[in-house]
Amino acid sequence: MLKFRPVTLATLAVLSSQSVLAALPDEVRLTEPQANVPTIPPVIVAPGTEEADVVVQTSGAHFFKRVLTSTKPQTTRSETFVDLPGAKTTIFVPPGMDVLVNVSFSAESRCNEPNSTAQNWCEASILVDGAEALPAASSFSPDTYAFDSTDGGSEGVSSWESHSMNRHRCIFNRDGSTFKNVPVEVKWKVTNFDGNVAPNFWLDDWSLTVEQARGCRQTRQNF
């Protein structure tokens, strides 16, 4: 969803953090993945400061899966990203291995702001190893990811809906003897363009699934 908002220092910081994905010169190759290859050679192209039309990530088979669920309702009116309580875990990338981390998140959601007609929404973001996973909607202003919306104030206290998102990130463990600890976490916040009482973002019955697949190749394409 394309929405207009000013560039902030936080946005620039996230952009800067994306530079950790840059490959060494001898790692960037143009070879396309071949069929029936059990592992995918690590290839990744530095994202730079411009948003790609399409990012392609390719990996082998999944070898790890972890699922976190909660039936405890949570609410926030925070206008900056904060942790969704309980929606955080740490995975371990084996020594010398490159992996594609795939994360899915779903929840029963409500985003309402009584007595307001402002075009506000409720955002969610998934961080993998401290950086927003792809598609990194919050990293390229004015884009954001609206997990839910107040619908101009028409959403009420009974506007419960099912929403979901998927995010992905290549992680490289160049250490041949030590596992790499990789935190995975869900953040949430609201917008408040009218400056009144912020919208109420309510989540319940959420599920967070984290998977690792062998190898990771990342390239950029144009439309």
C-alpha atoms as a PDB file:
ATOM      1  CA  MET A   1       0.000   0.000   0.000  1.00  0.00           C
ATOM      2  CA  LEU A   2       1.475   3.288  -1.103  1.00  0.00           C
ATOM      3  CA  LYS A   3       0.912   6.088   1.352  1.00  0.00           C
ATOM      4  CA  PHE A   4       2.576   9.463   1.795  1.00  0.00           C
ATOM      5  CA  ARG A   5       4.601  10.287   4.875  1.00  0.00           C
ATOM      6  CA  PRO A   6       7.855  12.192   5.525  1.00  0.00           C
ATOM      7  CA  VAL A   7      11.280  10.541   5.684  1.00  0.00           C
ATOM      8  CA  THR A   8      12.419  10.098   9.287  1.00  0.00           C
ATOM      9  CA  LEU A   9      15.741   9.326  10.932  1.00  0.00           C
ATOM     10  CA  ALA A  10      14.331   5.913  11.815  1.00  0.00           C
ATOM     11  CA  THR A  11      13.638   5.254   8.131  1.00  0.00           C
ATOM     12  CA  LEU A  12      17.184   6.206   7.193  1.00  0.00           C
ATOM     13  CA  ALA A  13      18.553   3.971   9.929  1.00  0.00           C
ATOM     14  CA  VAL A  14      16.656   0.987   8.549  1.00  0.00           C
ATOM     15  CA  LEU A  15      17.916   1.758   5.081  1.00  0.00           C
ATOM     16  CA  SER A  16      21.439   1.803   6.420  1.00  0.00           C
ATOM     17  CA  SER A  17      20.937  -1.525   8.182  1.00  0.00           C
ATOM     18  CA  GLN A  18      20.019  -3.172   4.869  1.00  0.00           C
ATOM     19  CA  SER A  19      23.632  -2.787   3.743  1.00  0.00           C
ATOM     20  CA  VAL A  20      24.545  -5.922   5.711  1.00  0.00           C
ATOM     21  CA  LEU A  21      23.042  -7.876   2.814  1.00  0.00           C
ATOM     22  CA  ALA A  22      25.772  -6.742   0.433  1.00  0.00           C
ATOM     23  CA  ALA A  23      27.905  -9.502  -1.038  1.00  0.00           C
ATOM     24  CA  LEU A  24      31.608  -9.586  -1.609  1.00  0.00           C
ATOM     25  CA  PRO A  25      32.559  -8.986  -5.251  1.00  0.00           C
ATOM     26  CA  ASP A  26      33.346 -12.652  -5.900  1.00  0.00           C
ATOM     27  CA  GLU A  27      29.919 -13.676  -4.516  1.00  0.00           C
ATOM     28  CA  VAL A  28      27.860 -11.748  -7.044  1.00  0.00           C
ATOM     29  CA  ARG A  29      27.195 -13.982 -10.040  1.00  0.00           C
ATOM     30  CA  LEU A  30      24.652 -13.864 -12.846  1.00  0.00           C
ATOM     31  CA  THR A  31      24.091 -17.632 -13.078  1.00  0.00           C
ATOM     32  CA  GLU A  32      20.437 -18.622 -12.720  1.00  0.00           C
ATOM     33  CA  PRO A  33      19.487 -21.504 -10.372  1.00  0.00           C
ATOM     34  CA  GLN A  34      19.690 -24.892 -12.060  1.00  0.00           C
ATOM     35  CA  ALA A  35      17.099 -27.620 -11.681  1.00  0.00           C
ATOM     36  CA  ASN A  36      17.736 -30.536  -9.296  1.00  0.00           C
ATOM     37  CA  VAL A  37      20.546 -28.749  -7.458  1.00  0.00           C
ATOM     38  CA  PRO A  38      20.271 -29.713  -3.746  1.00  0.00           C
ATOM     39  CA  THR A  39      21.777 -26.487  -2.421  1.00  0.00           C
ATOM     40  CA  ILE A  40      21.681 -22.947  -3.748  1.00  0.00           C
ATOM     41  CA  PRO A  41      25.001 -21.096  -4.053  1.00  0.00           C
ATOM     42  CA  PRO A  42      24.950 -17.872  -2.041  1.00  0.00           C
ATOM     43  CA  VAL A  43      24.327 -14.941  -4.346  1.00  0.00           C
ATOM     44  CA  ILE A  44      22.998 -11.583  -3.242  1.00  0.00           C
ATOM     45  CA  VAL A  45      23.011  -8.123  -4.748  1.00  0.00           C
ATOM     46  CA  ALA A  46      23.372  -5.052  -2.558  1.00  0.00           C
ATOM     47  CA  PRO A  47      19.987  -3.296  -2.389  1.00  0.00           C
ATOM     48  CA  GLY A  48      21.404   0.226  -2.406  1.00  0.00           C
ATOM     49  CA  THR A  49      19.118   3.133  -1.621  1.00  0.00           C
ATOM     50  CA  GLU A  50      16.576   2.592  -4.400  1.00  0.00           C
ATOM     51  CA  GLU A  51      13.653   0.236  -4.101  1.00  0.00           C
ATOM     52  CA  ALA A  52      13.792  -2.694  -6.518  1.00  0.00           C
ATOM     53  CA  ASP A  53      10.798  -3.429  -8.744  1.00  0.00           C
ATOM     54  CA  VAL A  54      11.019  -7.100  -7.776  1.00  0.00           C
ATOM     55  CA  VAL A  55      13.368  -8.997  -5.447  1.00  0.00           C
ATOM     56  CA  VAL A  56      13.803 -12.719  -6.180  1.00  0.00           C
ATOM     57  CA  GLN A  57      15.018 -15.039  -3.412  1.00  0.00           C
ATOM     58  CA  THR A  58      15.717 -18.683  -4.195  1.00  0.00           C
ATOM     59  CA  SER A  59      16.626 -21.524  -1.836  1.00  0.00           C
ATOM     60  CA  GLY A  60      16.580 -25.269  -1.417  1.00  0.00           C
ATOM     61  CA  ALA A  61      14.399 -27.390   0.854  1.00  0.00           C
ATOM     62  CA  HIS A  62      13.216 -26.350   4.298  1.00  0.00           C
ATOM     63  CA  PHE A  63      14.996 -28.091   7.171  1.00  0.00           C
ATOM     64  CA  PHE A  64      13.678 -26.193  10.216  1.00  0.00           C
ATOM     65  CA  LYS A  65      10.300 -24.947  11.440  1.00  0.00           C
ATOM     66  CA  ARG A  66       9.133 -23.247  14.641  1.00  0.00           C
ATOM     67  CA  VAL A  67       5.604 -22.067  15.453  1.00  0.00           C
ATOM     68  CA  LEU A  68       4.553 -19.644  18.206  1.00  0.00           C
ATOM     69  CA  THR A  69       0.862 -19.020  18.958  1.00  0.00           C
ATOM     70  CA  SER A  70      -1.096 -16.964  21.462  1.00  0.00           C
ATOM     71  CA  THR A  71      -4.767 -16.610  22.385  1.00  0.00           C
ATOM     72  CA  LYS A  72      -4.152 -13.640  24.716  1.00  0.00           C
ATOM     73  CA  PRO A  73      -5.583 -10.348  23.362  1.00  0.00           C
ATOM     74  CA  GLN A  74      -3.084  -7.461  23.184  1.00  0.00           C
ATOM     75  CA  THR A  75      -3.587  -3.769  22.372  1.00  0.00           C
ATOM     76  CA  THR A  76      -1.356  -0.807  21.573  1.00  0.00           C
ATOM     77  CA  ARG A  77      -1.702   2.875  20.729  1.00  0.00           C
ATOM     78  CA  SER A  78       2.042   3.338  20.229  1.00  0.00           C
ATOM     79  CA  GLU A  79       2.960   5.633  17.357  1.00  0.00           C
ATOM     80  CA  THR A  80       6.441   4.085  17.096  1.00  0.00           C
ATOM     81  CA  PHE A  81       7.249   0.426  16.518  1.00  0.00           C
ATOM     82  CA  VAL A  82       7.242  -1.641  19.722  1.00  0.00           C
ATOM     83  CA  ASP A  83       7.440  -5.377  20.395  1.00  0.00           C
ATOM     84  CA  LEU A  84       4.279  -7.431  20.094  1.00  0.00           C
ATOM     85  CA  PRO A  85       4.454  -9.254  23.467  1.00  0.00           C
ATOM     86  CA  GLY A  86       5.493 -12.882  23.024  1.00  0.00           C
ATOM     87  CA  ALA A  87       5.994 -12.653  19.256  1.00  0.00           C
ATOM     88  CA  LYS A  88       9.753 -13.104  19.330  1.00  0.00           C
ATOM     89  CA  THR A  89      12.078 -16.070  19.027  1.00  0.00           C
ATOM     90  CA  THR A  90      15.699 -16.876  18.184  1.00  0.00           C
ATOM     91  CA  ILE A  91      16.731 -19.382  15.556  1.00  0.00           C
ATOM     92  CA  PHE A  92      20.204 -20.809  14.960  1.00  0.00           C
ATOM     93  CA  VAL A  93      21.843 -20.925  11.543  1.00  0.00           C
ATOM     94  CA  PRO A  94      24.316 -23.845  11.303  1.00  0.00           C
ATOM     95  CA  PRO A  95      28.051 -23.132  10.870  1.00  0.00           C
ATOM     96  CA  GLY A  96      29.081 -22.172   7.339  1.00  0.00           C
ATOM     97  CA  MET A  97      25.514 -22.266   6.033  1.00  0.00           C
ATOM     98  CA  ASP A  98      23.484 -19.733   4.056  1.00  0.00           C
ATOM     99  CA  VAL A  99      19.735 -19.902   4.621  1.00  0.00           C
ATOM    100  CA  LEU A 100      16.524 -18.236   3.539  1.00  0.00           C
ATOM    101  CA  VAL A 101      14.456 -17.392   6.613  1.00  0.00           C
ATOM    102  CA  ASN A 102      10.722 -17.442   5.838  1.00  0.00           C
ATOM    103  CA  VAL A 103       8.331 -15.919   8.369  1.00  0.00           C
ATOM    104  CA  SER A 104       4.537 -15.877   8.345  1.00  0.00           C
ATOM    105  CA  PHE A 105       2.313 -14.044  10.805  1.00  0.00           C
ATOM    106  CA  SER A 106      -1.467 -14.095  11.097  1.00  0.00           C
ATOM    107  CA  ALA A 107      -3.878 -12.744  13.690  1.00  0.00           C
ATOM    108  CA  GLU A 108      -7.402 -11.693  14.487  1.00  0.00           C
ATOM    109  CA  SER A 109      -7.163  -7.925  14.169  1.00  0.00           C
ATOM    110  CA  ARG A 110      -9.072  -4.739  14.945  1.00  0.00           C
ATOM    111  CA  CYS A 111      -7.958  -1.165  14.173  1.00  0.00           C
ATOM    112  CA  ASN A 112     -10.413   1.496  15.264  1.00  0.00           C
ATOM    113  CA  GLU A 113     -10.410   5.182  16.173  1.00  0.00           C
ATOM    114  CA  PRO A 114     -13.746   6.488  17.540  1.00  0.00           C
ATOM    115  CA  ASN A 115     -14.866  10.034  16.713  1.00  0.00           C
ATOM    116  CA  SER A 116     -12.321  10.501  13.924  1.00  0.00           C
ATOM    117  CA  THR A 117     -12.462  10.501  10.143  1.00  0.00           C
ATOM    118  CA  ALA A 118      -8.670  10.576   9.718  1.00  0.00           C
ATOM    119  CA  GLN A 119      -7.168   8.091   7.255  1.00  0.00           C
ATOM    120  CA  ASN A 120      -5.158   6.178   9.875  1.00  0.00           C
ATOM    121  CA  TRP A 121      -3.990   2.600   9.862  1.00  0.00           C
ATOM    122  CA  CYS A 122      -2.283  -0.021  12.048  1.00  0.00           C
ATOM    123  CA  GLU A 123       1.137  -1.251  10.949  1.00  0.00           C
ATOM    124  CA  ALA A 124       3.112  -4.448  11.476  1.00  0.00           C
ATOM    125  CA  SER A 125       6.743  -5.219  10.696  1.00  0.00           C
ATOM    126  CA  ILE A 126       8.838  -8.377  10.986  1.00  0.00           C
ATOM    127  CA  LEU A 127      12.536  -8.086  11.813  1.00  0.00           C
ATOM    128  CA  VAL A 128      14.994 -10.890  11.084  1.00  0.00           C
ATOM    129  CA  ASP A 129      18.459 -10.474  12.614  1.00  0.00           C
ATOM    130  CA  GLY A 130      17.656  -6.860  13.470  1.00  0.00           C
ATOM    131  CA  ALA A 131      16.556  -5.704   9.983  1.00  0.00           C
ATOM    132  CA  GLU A 132      13.156  -5.563   8.351  1.00  0.00           C
ATOM    133  CA  ALA A 133      12.605  -8.667   6.262  1.00  0.00           C
ATOM    134  CA  LEU A 134      11.422  -8.456   2.646  1.00  0.00           C
ATOM    135  CA  PRO A 135       9.260  -6.921   1.406  1.00  0.00           C
ATOM    136  CA  ALA A 136      10.714  -4.165   3.591  1.00  0.00           C
ATOM    137  CA  ALA A 137       7.695  -1.883   3.285  1.00  0.00           C
ATOM    138  CA  SER A 138       8.756   0.474   6.079  1.00  0.00           C
ATOM    139  CA  SER A 139      12.256   0.970   4.635  1.00  0.00           C
ATOM    140  CA  PHE A 140      11.333   2.985   1.554  1.00  0.00           C
ATOM    141  CA  SER A 141       9.233   6.045   2.388  1.00  0.00           C
ATOM    142  CA  PRO A 142       6.452   6.905   1.695  1.00  0.00           C
ATOM    143  CA  ASP A 143       5.566   3.196   1.588  1.00  0.00           C
ATOM    144  CA  THR A 144       4.410   1.368   4.731  1.00  0.00           C
ATOM    145  CA  TYR A 145       2.614  -1.892   5.448  1.00  0.00           C
ATOM    146  CA  ALA A 146      -0.905  -1.438   6.776  1.00  0.00           C
ATOM    147  CA  PHE A 147      -1.814  -4.653   8.579  1.00  0.00           C
ATOM    148  CA  ASP A 148      -5.251  -3.171   9.270  1.00  0.00           C
ATOM    149  CA  SER A 149      -7.037   0.177   8.819  1.00  0.00           C
ATOM    150  CA  THR A 150      -9.472   2.433  10.663  1.00  0.00           C
ATOM    151  CA  ASP A 151     -11.252   2.911   7.320  1.00  0.00           C
ATOM    152  CA  GLY A 152     -11.582   6.610   7.974  1.00  0.00           C
ATOM    153  CA  GLY A 153     -13.164   6.033  11.384  1.00  0.00           C
ATOM    154  CA  SER A 154     -15.838   3.601  10.213  1.00  0.00           C
ATOM    155  CA  GLU A 155     -14.257   0.615  11.982  1.00  0.00           C
ATOM    156  CA  GLY A 156     -15.800  -0.041  15.399  1.00  0.00           C
ATOM    157  CA  VAL A 157     -15.125  -2.114  18.508  1.00  0.00           C
ATOM    158  CA  SER A 158     -16.730  -5.117  16.788  1.00  0.00           C
ATOM    159  CA  SER A 159     -14.672  -4.878  13.579  1.00  0.00           C
ATOM    160  CA  TRP A 160     -12.747  -8.120  14.087  1.00  0.00           C
ATOM    161  CA  GLU A 161     -11.025  -9.472  10.987  1.00  0.00           C
ATOM    162  CA  SER A 162      -8.438 -12.065   9.993  1.00  0.00           C
ATOM    163  CA  HIS A 163      -5.182 -10.647   8.585  1.00  0.00           C
ATOM    164  CA  SER A 164      -1.786 -12.109   7.657  1.00  0.00           C
ATOM    165  CA  MET A 165       1.643 -11.280   6.238  1.00  0.00           C
ATOM    166  CA  ASN A 166       4.771 -13.102   5.017  1.00  0.00           C
ATOM    167  CA  ARG A 167       8.374 -11.889   5.143  1.00  0.00           C
ATOM    168  CA  HIS A 168      11.741 -13.304   4.010  1.00  0.00           C
ATOM    169  CA  ARG A 169      15.459 -12.651   4.489  1.00  0.00           C
ATOM    170  CA  CYS A 170      18.731 -14.282   3.408  1.00  0.00           C
ATOM    171  CA  ILE A 171      21.053 -14.940   6.335  1.00  0.00           C
ATOM    172  CA  PHE A 172      24.717 -15.893   5.878  1.00  0.00           C
ATOM    173  CA  ASN A 173      26.778 -17.612   8.567  1.00  0.00           C
ATOM    174  CA  ARG A 174      30.390 -17.354   7.420  1.00  0.00           C
ATOM    175  CA  ASP A 175      31.677 -18.902  10.655  1.00  0.00           C
ATOM    176  CA  GLY A 176      32.525 -22.528   9.960  1.00  0.00           C
ATOM    177  CA  SER A 177      32.471 -23.627  13.593  1.00  0.00           C
ATOM    178  CA  THR A 178      29.765 -21.636  15.418  1.00  0.00           C
ATOM    179  CA  PHE A 179      25.995 -21.383  15.105  1.00  0.00           C
ATOM    180  CA  LYS A 180      24.684 -17.876  14.323  1.00  0.00           C
ATOM    181  CA  ASN A 181      21.950 -16.627  16.648  1.00  0.00           C
ATOM    182  CA  VAL A 182      19.236 -14.893  14.612  1.00  0.00           C
ATOM    183  CA  PRO A 183      16.366 -13.128  16.421  1.00  0.00           C
ATOM    184  CA  VAL A 184      12.974 -12.982  14.702  1.00  0.00           C
ATOM    185  CA  GLU A 185      10.416 -10.510  16.063  1.00  0.00           C
ATOM    186  CA  VAL A 186       7.112  -8.846  15.255  1.00  0.00           C
ATOM    187  CA  LYS A 187       6.715  -5.094  15.794  1.00  0.00           C
ATOM    188  CA  TRP A 188       3.496  -3.067  15.698  1.00  0.00           C
ATOM    189  CA  LYS A 189       2.357   0.564  15.785  1.00  0.00           C
ATOM    190  CA  VAL A 190      -0.368   2.956  14.658  1.00  0.00           C
ATOM    191  CA  THR A 191      -0.482   6.182  12.665  1.00  0.00           C
ATOM    192  CA  ASN A 192      -2.100   9.297  14.119  1.00  0.00           C
ATOM    193  CA  PHE A 193      -2.420  12.015  11.485  1.00  0.00           C
ATOM    194  CA  ASP A 194      -5.109  14.037  13.244  1.00  0.00           C
ATOM    195  CA  GLY A 195      -3.114  14.281  16.485  1.00  0.00           C
ATOM    196  CA  ASN A 196      -6.036  13.224  18.662  1.00  0.00           C
ATOM    197  CA  VAL A 197      -6.267  10.015  20.667  1.00  0.00           C
ATOM    198  CA  ALA A 198      -4.375   7.437  18.616  1.00  0.00           C
ATOM    199  CA  PRO A 199      -6.159   4.450  17.060  1.00  0.00           C
ATOM    200  CA  ASN A 200      -6.498   1.299  19.115  1.00  0.00           C
ATOM    201  CA  PHE A 201      -4.645  -1.656  17.525  1.00  0.00           C
ATOM    202  CA  TRP A 202      -5.997  -4.941  18.928  1.00  0.00           C
ATOM    203  CA  LEU A 203      -4.587  -8.398  18.095  1.00  0.00           C
ATOM    204  CA  ASP A 204      -5.670 -11.842  19.269  1.00  0.00           C
ATOM    205  CA  ASP A 205      -5.219 -15.501  18.319  1.00  0.00           C
ATOM    206  CA  TRP A 206      -1.967 -14.819  16.499  1.00  0.00           C
ATOM    207  CA  SER A 207       0.401 -17.338  14.943  1.00  0.00           C
ATOM    208  CA  LEU A 208       4.076 -16.771  14.101  1.00  0.00           C
ATOM    209  CA  THR A 209       5.795 -19.397  11.923  1.00  0.00           C
ATOM    210  CA  VAL A 210       9.547 -19.306  11.238  1.00  0.00           C
ATOM    211  CA  GLU A 211      11.234 -21.616   8.721  1.00  0.00           C
ATOM    212  CA  GLN A 212      14.764 -22.041   7.390  1.00  0.00           C
ATOM    213  CA  ALA A 213      15.571 -23.279   3.881  1.00  0.00           C
ATOM    214  CA  ARG A 214      19.016 -24.357   2.693  1.00  0.00           C
ATOM    215  CA  GLY A 215      20.985 -21.855   0.629  1.00  0.00           C
ATOM    216  CA  CYS A 216      19.882 -18.406  -0.463  1.00  0.00           C
ATOM    217  CA  ARG A 217      20.218 -16.542  -3.749  1.00  0.00           C
ATOM    218  CA  GLN A 218      18.859 -12.999  -4.038  1.00  0.00           C
ATOM    219  CA  THR A 219      18.607 -10.948  -7.228  1.00  0.00           C
ATOM    220  CA  ARG A 220      16.762  -7.810  -8.376  1.00  0.00           C
ATOM    221  CA  GLN A 221      14.496  -7.511 -11.394  1.00  0.00           C
ATOM    222  CA  ASN A 222      12.743  -4.701 -13.213  1.00  0.00           C
ATOM    223  CA  PHE A 223       9.139  -4.742 -14.320  1.00  0.00           C
END
